[in-house]
Structure formats: structure tokens, C-alpha cells
Amino acid sequence: MTQYQKLIERKRKLLAAEKWAEGVDTLHSHSLNSMWYEPYPDVEKSNKVLDIIYNSGRITRDSVEIVSVQLKGDALIDAWEQATHNQCVCGEQNCEDEYTHTTHGY
């Protein structure tokens, strides 16, 4: 039975990460055409829109998906572990320089 321990642990993490991935990371209400994921950058908006960015990297605008899921498999598990264990992008837990690491010092 111990030969399956690593597979079971990975599956447990993947299931938890998939549930976490459905959560909302950012809500953004705007009328800009300058978003990096803008599907129609040449069409001027006359109304405000609501963009929802999920933990998986998926982006919807007014309930229409405009960017599909970005994180899957091991990449999703890594992102979930970083988010749930308060881990900086440098790999250190509770890093004092996290702001510098995520903003490149700006």
C-alpha cells in the first residue's frame, strides 16, 4: 500500500487545488480598452464591464469567458500551495521582501 502514498497525496492536493482554483482572485469594473487580455481592443466601450479573474487564471467578462484556465496539473498545485501556505514567489514562507519580489521593486 505504501507504493501508492505519493500518488494519493498528489491527488489529494490536486482536488484541493481545483476547488481553490474556482475562487475569485480579482474583480475589476472598468471601461478601458487597454487590458492585456482585451478581446476587442479596437472597439470602444460605451458601458462599464466587470472582469472576474479566478485563482486558476481564468478571466470572465460579464459572465462570458475571455481567457480560459491557465493553471492545470502541477502548476495548479504549486500555485495553490503558494497561496495557502503564504509562500512568496521566491519560495520562502512569510517573506519580508514579498512586495519587492512581486513588483520588481516598483
Protein backbone atom coordinates (compact mmCIF):
# COMPACT_ATOMS: atom_id res chain seq x y z
CA MET A 1 0.00 0.00 0.00
CA THR A 2 2.85 2.42 0.65
CA GLN A 3 3.79 2.42 -3.04
CA TYR A 4 0.65 4.47 -3.71
CA GLN A 5 1.21 7.04 -0.97
CA LYS A 6 2.77 9.65 -3.29
CA LEU A 7 0.00 9.23 -5.87
CA ILE A 8 -2.69 9.56 -3.21
CA GLU A 9 -1.04 12.67 -1.74
CA ARG A 10 -0.74 14.28 -5.20
CA LYS A 11 -4.41 13.51 -5.94
CA ARG A 12 -5.45 14.99 -2.58
CA LYS A 13 -3.51 18.16 -3.36
CA LEU A 14 -4.91 18.33 -6.90
CA LEU A 15 -8.51 18.05 -5.66
CA ALA A 16 -7.93 20.80 -3.08
CA ALA A 17 -6.19 22.97 -5.71
CA GLU A 18 -9.05 22.51 -8.20
CA LYS A 19 -11.54 23.66 -5.58
CA TRP A 20 -9.30 26.67 -4.75
CA ALA A 21 -8.96 27.48 -8.47
CA GLU A 22 -12.71 28.20 -8.70
CA GLY A 23 -12.35 31.03 -6.17
CA VAL A 24 -12.21 34.68 -7.21
CA ASP A 25 -8.80 36.37 -7.16
CA THR A 26 -9.76 39.81 -8.53
CA LEU A 27 -12.86 41.78 -9.52
CA HIS A 28 -12.27 44.64 -11.94
CA SER A 29 -15.04 47.01 -13.07
CA HIS A 30 -13.90 49.34 -15.85
CA SER A 31 -14.47 50.77 -19.31
CA LEU A 32 -10.87 50.51 -20.54
CA ASN A 33 -9.58 49.02 -23.78
CA SER A 34 -6.03 48.61 -22.52
CA MET A 35 -6.27 45.32 -20.63
CA TRP A 36 -3.66 42.78 -21.76
CA TYR A 37 -6.41 40.21 -22.32
CA GLU A 38 -8.78 42.60 -24.16
CA PRO A 39 -10.64 40.51 -26.80
CA TYR A 40 -11.61 43.55 -28.93
CA PRO A 41 -9.04 46.31 -28.34
CA ASP A 42 -10.20 48.39 -31.32
CA VAL A 43 -13.85 48.55 -30.22
CA GLU A 44 -14.53 51.45 -27.90
CA LYS A 45 -16.59 50.59 -24.85
CA SER A 46 -19.64 52.67 -24.10
CA ASN A 47 -20.57 50.81 -20.89
CA LYS A 48 -18.64 49.57 -17.91
CA VAL A 49 -17.79 45.89 -17.79
CA LEU A 50 -16.99 43.53 -14.93
CA ASP A 51 -13.95 41.31 -15.32
CA ILE A 52 -13.52 38.44 -12.86
CA ILE A 53 -10.10 36.84 -12.55
CA TYR A 54 -10.17 33.45 -10.85
CA ASN A 55 -7.33 31.77 -8.94
CA SER A 56 -6.77 29.45 -11.92
CA GLY A 57 -6.03 32.41 -14.22
CA ARG A 58 -9.41 32.13 -15.97
CA ILE A 59 -10.98 35.51 -16.83
CA THR A 60 -14.65 36.19 -17.50
CA ARG A 61 -16.27 39.43 -18.61
CA ASP A 62 -19.95 39.84 -17.78
CA SER A 63 -20.25 36.02 -17.45
CA VAL A 64 -18.53 35.32 -20.81
CA GLU A 65 -15.16 33.56 -20.69
CA ILE A 66 -12.46 35.59 -22.45
CA VAL A 67 -9.35 33.77 -21.14
CA SER A 68 -9.56 30.06 -20.41
CA VAL A 69 -7.99 28.30 -17.42
CA GLN A 70 -4.25 28.96 -17.30
CA LEU A 71 -3.16 26.65 -14.49
CA LYS A 72 -3.52 22.87 -14.61
CA GLY A 73 -1.84 19.86 -13.02
CA ASP A 74 1.43 20.50 -11.18
CA ALA A 75 1.38 24.24 -11.95
CA LEU A 76 -2.04 24.49 -10.27
CA ILE A 77 -0.81 22.54 -7.24
CA ASP A 78 2.24 24.84 -6.95
CA ALA A 79 0.06 27.99 -7.12
CA TRP A 80 -2.36 26.54 -4.54
CA GLU A 81 0.50 25.68 -2.18
CA GLN A 82 1.96 29.17 -2.50
CA ALA A 83 -1.40 30.80 -1.84
CA THR A 84 -2.44 28.59 1.06
CA HIS A 85 0.96 28.43 2.76
CA ASN A 86 1.71 32.16 2.48
CA GLN A 87 4.68 31.40 0.26
CA CYS A 88 6.46 34.11 -1.71
CA VAL A 89 7.39 33.66 -5.38
CA CYS A 90 11.00 33.26 -4.19
CA GLY A 91 9.92 30.11 -2.30
CA GLU A 92 10.33 31.48 1.22
CA GLN A 93 7.41 31.33 3.63
CA ASN A 94 6.31 34.68 5.12
CA CYS A 95 8.97 36.51 3.07
CA GLU A 96 9.67 40.07 4.25
CA ASP A 97 10.56 41.16 0.70
CA GLU A 98 7.45 39.72 -0.99
CA TYR A 99 6.33 43.15 -2.25
CA THR A 100 9.70 43.70 -3.90
CA HIS A 101 9.65 40.22 -5.44
CA THR A 102 6.18 40.60 -6.95
CA THR A 103 6.55 44.19 -8.17
CA HIS A 104 10.20 44.04 -9.23
CA GLY A 105 10.96 46.86 -6.81
CA TYR A 106 8.46 49.38 -8.21
